[in-house]
Amino acid sequence: MTETDIAPRNMVRLIMGAVLVWGVFLAVGAYRFNHNPARPAMVMACVLGFLGFWGLLLRTRRRRTKDNGDNAADR
């Protein structure tokens, strides 16, 4: 693998990490607003659900492209 093959995967991981950090930021703000632990739990559940679904879709796409022998999606 060359550097250009690895870059898109690292970019997706960076974006997912940024979404996670943003979710934590929003959860802390939701707690500070009302001191109700259900609010940050709801925010984090939505963020983690979104990231989990996104990761599942990416994994499914990677498996499909490996089965078809198409490496264009990994670039």
N, C-alpha and C. Protein backbone atom coordinates (compact mmCIF):
# COMPACT_ATOMS: atom_id res chain seq x y z
N MET A 1 0.83 -1.19 0.00
CA MET A 1 0.00 0.00 0.00
C MET A 1 0.87 1.25 0.00
N THR A 2 0.43 2.21 -0.73
CA THR A 2 1.15 3.48 -0.75
C THR A 2 0.45 4.47 0.17
N GLU A 3 1.06 5.62 0.30
CA GLU A 3 0.49 6.65 1.17
C GLU A 3 -0.87 7.12 0.70
N THR A 4 -1.08 7.15 -0.61
CA THR A 4 -2.37 7.61 -1.13
C THR A 4 -3.48 6.60 -0.86
N ASP A 5 -3.15 5.31 -0.70
CA ASP A 5 -4.16 4.31 -0.37
C ASP A 5 -4.61 4.42 1.08
N ILE A 6 -3.76 4.88 1.95
CA ILE A 6 -4.07 4.96 3.37
C ILE A 6 -4.78 6.27 3.73
N ALA A 7 -4.54 7.32 3.00
CA ALA A 7 -5.05 8.65 3.35
C ALA A 7 -6.57 8.72 3.49
N PRO A 8 -7.38 8.17 2.58
CA PRO A 8 -8.84 8.28 2.75
C PRO A 8 -9.34 7.60 4.02
N ARG A 9 -8.79 6.46 4.36
CA ARG A 9 -9.22 5.78 5.59
C ARG A 9 -8.89 6.62 6.82
N ASN A 10 -7.69 7.21 6.82
CA ASN A 10 -7.33 8.06 7.94
C ASN A 10 -8.21 9.30 8.01
N MET A 11 -8.61 9.81 6.87
CA MET A 11 -9.47 11.00 6.84
C MET A 11 -10.84 10.66 7.42
N VAL A 12 -11.37 9.49 7.08
CA VAL A 12 -12.67 9.09 7.63
C VAL A 12 -12.57 8.90 9.14
N ARG A 13 -11.49 8.31 9.60
CA ARG A 13 -11.29 8.15 11.05
C ARG A 13 -11.19 9.49 11.74
N LEU A 14 -10.51 10.43 11.11
CA LEU A 14 -10.38 11.77 11.68
C LEU A 14 -11.75 12.45 11.77
N ILE A 15 -12.54 12.32 10.73
CA ILE A 15 -13.89 12.92 10.73
C ILE A 15 -14.76 12.26 11.80
N MET A 16 -14.67 10.94 11.91
CA MET A 16 -15.47 10.24 12.93
C MET A 16 -15.04 10.66 14.34
N GLY A 17 -13.74 10.83 14.53
CA GLY A 17 -13.25 11.31 15.82
C GLY A 17 -13.74 12.71 16.12
N ALA A 18 -13.77 13.56 15.11
CA ALA A 18 -14.25 14.93 15.29
C ALA A 18 -15.74 14.94 15.64
N VAL A 19 -16.52 14.05 15.01
CA VAL A 19 -17.95 13.95 15.33
C VAL A 19 -18.12 13.48 16.78
N LEU A 20 -17.29 12.55 17.21
CA LEU A 20 -17.35 12.07 18.59
C LEU A 20 -17.02 13.19 19.58
N VAL A 21 -15.97 13.95 19.29
CA VAL A 21 -15.60 15.07 20.16
C VAL A 21 -16.72 16.11 20.19
N TRP A 22 -17.31 16.40 19.05
CA TRP A 22 -18.42 17.35 18.98
C TRP A 22 -19.61 16.83 19.80
N GLY A 23 -19.87 15.54 19.74
CA GLY A 23 -20.95 14.96 20.53
C GLY A 23 -20.70 15.09 22.03
N VAL A 24 -19.46 14.87 22.44
CA VAL A 24 -19.11 15.04 23.86
C VAL A 24 -19.30 16.50 24.27
N PHE A 25 -18.87 17.41 23.41
CA PHE A 25 -19.05 18.84 23.67
C PHE A 25 -20.53 19.19 23.85
N LEU A 26 -21.37 18.68 22.95
CA LEU A 26 -22.80 18.93 23.06
C LEU A 26 -23.41 18.28 24.30
N ALA A 27 -22.94 17.09 24.65
CA ALA A 27 -23.46 16.40 25.83
C ALA A 27 -23.10 17.16 27.11
N VAL A 28 -21.89 17.66 27.17
CA VAL A 28 -21.50 18.45 28.34
C VAL A 28 -22.35 19.72 28.42
N GLY A 29 -22.57 20.35 27.29
CA GLY A 29 -23.41 21.55 27.27
C GLY A 29 -24.85 21.24 27.66
N ALA A 30 -25.36 20.09 27.23
CA ALA A 30 -26.72 19.70 27.60
C ALA A 30 -26.82 19.45 29.10
N TYR A 31 -25.78 18.90 29.69
CA TYR A 31 -25.81 18.66 31.13
C TYR A 31 -25.70 19.96 31.91
N ARG A 32 -24.82 20.84 31.46
CA ARG A 32 -24.64 22.12 32.17
C ARG A 32 -25.89 22.99 32.09
N PHE A 33 -26.67 22.82 31.05
CA PHE A 33 -27.87 23.63 30.87
C PHE A 33 -28.94 23.28 31.90
N ASN A 34 -29.09 21.99 32.22
CA ASN A 34 -30.22 21.59 33.05
C ASN A 34 -29.85 20.63 34.18
N HIS A 35 -28.64 20.12 34.23
CA HIS A 35 -28.18 19.14 35.24
C HIS A 35 -29.06 17.91 35.28
N ASN A 36 -29.56 17.53 34.13
CA ASN A 36 -30.37 16.33 34.00
C ASN A 36 -29.52 15.30 33.25
N PRO A 37 -29.15 14.18 33.88
CA PRO A 37 -28.27 13.21 33.22
C PRO A 37 -28.89 12.53 32.01
N ALA A 38 -30.19 12.62 31.84
CA ALA A 38 -30.83 11.99 30.69
C ALA A 38 -30.50 12.75 29.40
N ARG A 39 -30.32 14.04 29.49
CA ARG A 39 -30.03 14.84 28.29
C ARG A 39 -28.68 14.47 27.65
N PRO A 40 -27.57 14.47 28.40
CA PRO A 40 -26.31 14.07 27.75
C PRO A 40 -26.31 12.60 27.33
N ALA A 41 -27.04 11.76 28.04
CA ALA A 41 -27.13 10.36 27.64
C ALA A 41 -27.83 10.24 26.29
N MET A 42 -28.86 11.03 26.09
CA MET A 42 -29.58 11.02 24.81
C MET A 42 -28.69 11.54 23.69
N VAL A 43 -27.95 12.60 23.95
CA VAL A 43 -27.06 13.16 22.93
C VAL A 43 -25.99 12.14 22.56
N MET A 44 -25.36 11.52 23.55
CA MET A 44 -24.31 10.55 23.27
C MET A 44 -24.87 9.30 22.60
N ALA A 45 -26.07 8.89 22.97
CA ALA A 45 -26.68 7.73 22.31
C ALA A 45 -26.91 8.01 20.83
N CYS A 46 -27.35 9.22 20.52
CA CYS A 46 -27.57 9.58 19.11
C CYS A 46 -26.25 9.65 18.34
N VAL A 47 -25.24 10.25 18.95
CA VAL A 47 -23.93 10.36 18.29
C VAL A 47 -23.33 8.97 18.07
N LEU A 48 -23.34 8.15 19.10
CA LEU A 48 -22.78 6.81 18.98
C LEU A 48 -23.58 5.94 18.02
N GLY A 49 -24.90 6.11 18.01
CA GLY A 49 -25.72 5.39 17.06
C GLY A 49 -25.40 5.79 15.63
N PHE A 50 -25.23 7.08 15.41
CA PHE A 50 -24.86 7.57 14.08
C PHE A 50 -23.51 7.03 13.65
N LEU A 51 -22.51 7.11 14.54
CA LEU A 51 -21.17 6.63 14.19
C LEU A 51 -21.16 5.13 13.98
N GLY A 52 -21.93 4.40 14.79
CA GLY A 52 -22.00 2.95 14.62
C GLY A 52 -22.64 2.57 13.29
N PHE A 53 -23.71 3.25 12.92
CA PHE A 53 -24.38 2.97 11.65
C PHE A 53 -23.46 3.32 10.48
N TRP A 54 -22.77 4.43 10.58
CA TRP A 54 -21.84 4.85 9.54
C TRP A 54 -20.71 3.83 9.41
N GLY A 55 -20.17 3.39 10.53
CA GLY A 55 -19.11 2.38 10.50
C GLY A 55 -19.59 1.06 9.90
N LEU A 56 -20.82 0.68 10.22
CA LEU A 56 -21.39 -0.54 9.66
C LEU A 56 -21.53 -0.42 8.14
N LEU A 57 -21.99 0.71 7.66
CA LEU A 57 -22.10 0.93 6.22
C LEU A 57 -20.73 0.90 5.53
N LEU A 58 -19.74 1.50 6.16
CA LEU A 58 -18.40 1.48 5.58
C LEU A 58 -17.82 0.07 5.53
N ARG A 59 -18.06 -0.70 6.59
CA ARG A 59 -17.57 -2.08 6.62
C ARG A 59 -18.28 -2.93 5.57
N THR A 60 -19.58 -2.74 5.41
CA THR A 60 -20.33 -3.48 4.39
C THR A 60 -19.83 -3.12 3.00
N ARG A 61 -19.57 -1.85 2.76
CA ARG A 61 -19.05 -1.41 1.46
C ARG A 61 -17.68 -2.02 1.19
N ARG A 62 -16.84 -2.06 2.22
CA ARG A 62 -15.50 -2.63 2.04
C ARG A 62 -15.58 -4.12 1.72
N ARG A 63 -16.48 -4.84 2.38
CA ARG A 63 -16.64 -6.27 2.10
C ARG A 63 -17.17 -6.51 0.69
N ARG A 64 -18.11 -5.69 0.26
CA ARG A 64 -18.67 -5.85 -1.09
C ARG A 64 -17.62 -5.59 -2.16
N THR A 65 -16.81 -4.56 -1.97
CA THR A 65 -15.80 -4.26 -2.97
C THR A 65 -14.71 -5.32 -2.99
N LYS A 66 -14.40 -5.94 -1.86
CA LYS A 66 -13.43 -7.03 -1.84
C LYS A 66 -14.00 -8.26 -2.54
N ASP A 67 -15.28 -8.54 -2.35
CA ASP A 67 -15.92 -9.68 -3.01
C ASP A 67 -15.97 -9.50 -4.53
N ASN A 68 -16.17 -8.27 -4.98
CA ASN A 68 -16.26 -7.99 -6.41
C ASN A 68 -14.87 -7.81 -7.05
N GLY A 69 -13.85 -7.70 -6.23
CA GLY A 69 -12.51 -7.49 -6.76
C GLY A 69 -12.25 -6.08 -7.21
N ASP A 70 -13.09 -5.15 -6.83
CA ASP A 70 -12.95 -3.76 -7.22
C ASP A 70 -12.21 -3.02 -6.10
N ASN A 71 -11.03 -2.52 -6.38
CA ASN A 71 -10.25 -1.78 -5.39
C ASN A 71 -10.39 -0.28 -5.55
N ALA A 72 -11.22 0.17 -6.45
CA ALA A 72 -11.37 1.61 -6.68
C ALA A 72 -12.00 2.31 -5.48
N ALA A 73 -12.83 1.63 -4.71
CA ALA A 73 -13.48 2.25 -3.56
C ALA A 73 -12.51 2.48 -2.42
N ASP A 74 -11.39 1.76 -2.37
CA ASP A 74 -10.42 1.91 -1.29
C ASP A 74 -9.47 3.07 -1.54
N ARG A 75 -9.49 3.62 -2.73
CA ARG A 75 -8.55 4.72 -3.03
C ARG A 75 -9.02 6.02 -2.52
